[in-house]
Amino acid sequence: MQMNKHDAQTEMEMNMTPMIDVVFLLIIFFMIITDLTQQDLEELQLPKARSAVEDKPDIEVVRPIINIPQSGRMIYKRRTLYDPEIDGDNMQGLERFLVDQAFRMPRKDELPDNPLMIRADRGTEFKYIQRVMETCGLEDVRIWKLELGAAQEEKDEEEEK
């Protein structure tokens, strides 16, 4: 019996190009996803509340987030739904948006069942928050689950009070 002898000088090489391609694709994917998840949140100074709890949204529930900076503009994913300087008392952009969102939400007892989050800057006049709440109550919309964004008070601030 003759045994095959392997040449000691033969080296096996692994082609790393496909692995590098996959790594770059993953990096690009995560960069895009990170940017998309941050579109919901505008840079706001949220009001502080003692009873505020950490926001842990259910990943299965689609929850639109409306941001309201001090100017009173209403923003969803960097898209302005209402601007008081341009629209005045005309809330049609916000109303169209909320009708569309309510239509997409799953229903329970004929009403949209997902929440809508309102994040308003601490310097925002309440009338703008009230307008969103009133628009949610319109016959075409009827979104009844509202969440208000607030920051948790720090422990030092609680002890001072």
Foldseek 3Di string as FASTA:
>chain_A
DDDDDDDPPDDDDDDCVVVVVVVVVVVVVVVVVVVQVCLADDDAAFAEDQPDDDDDDDPVADEWEWEQEQQLFTDTSNDTQDGCVPQPPDNVSLLVVLLVVFVPADDDPNGRDGEYEYEYHPNHDCVSVVVNVVSCVDPSHVHDHYHYDHHYDDPVVVVVD
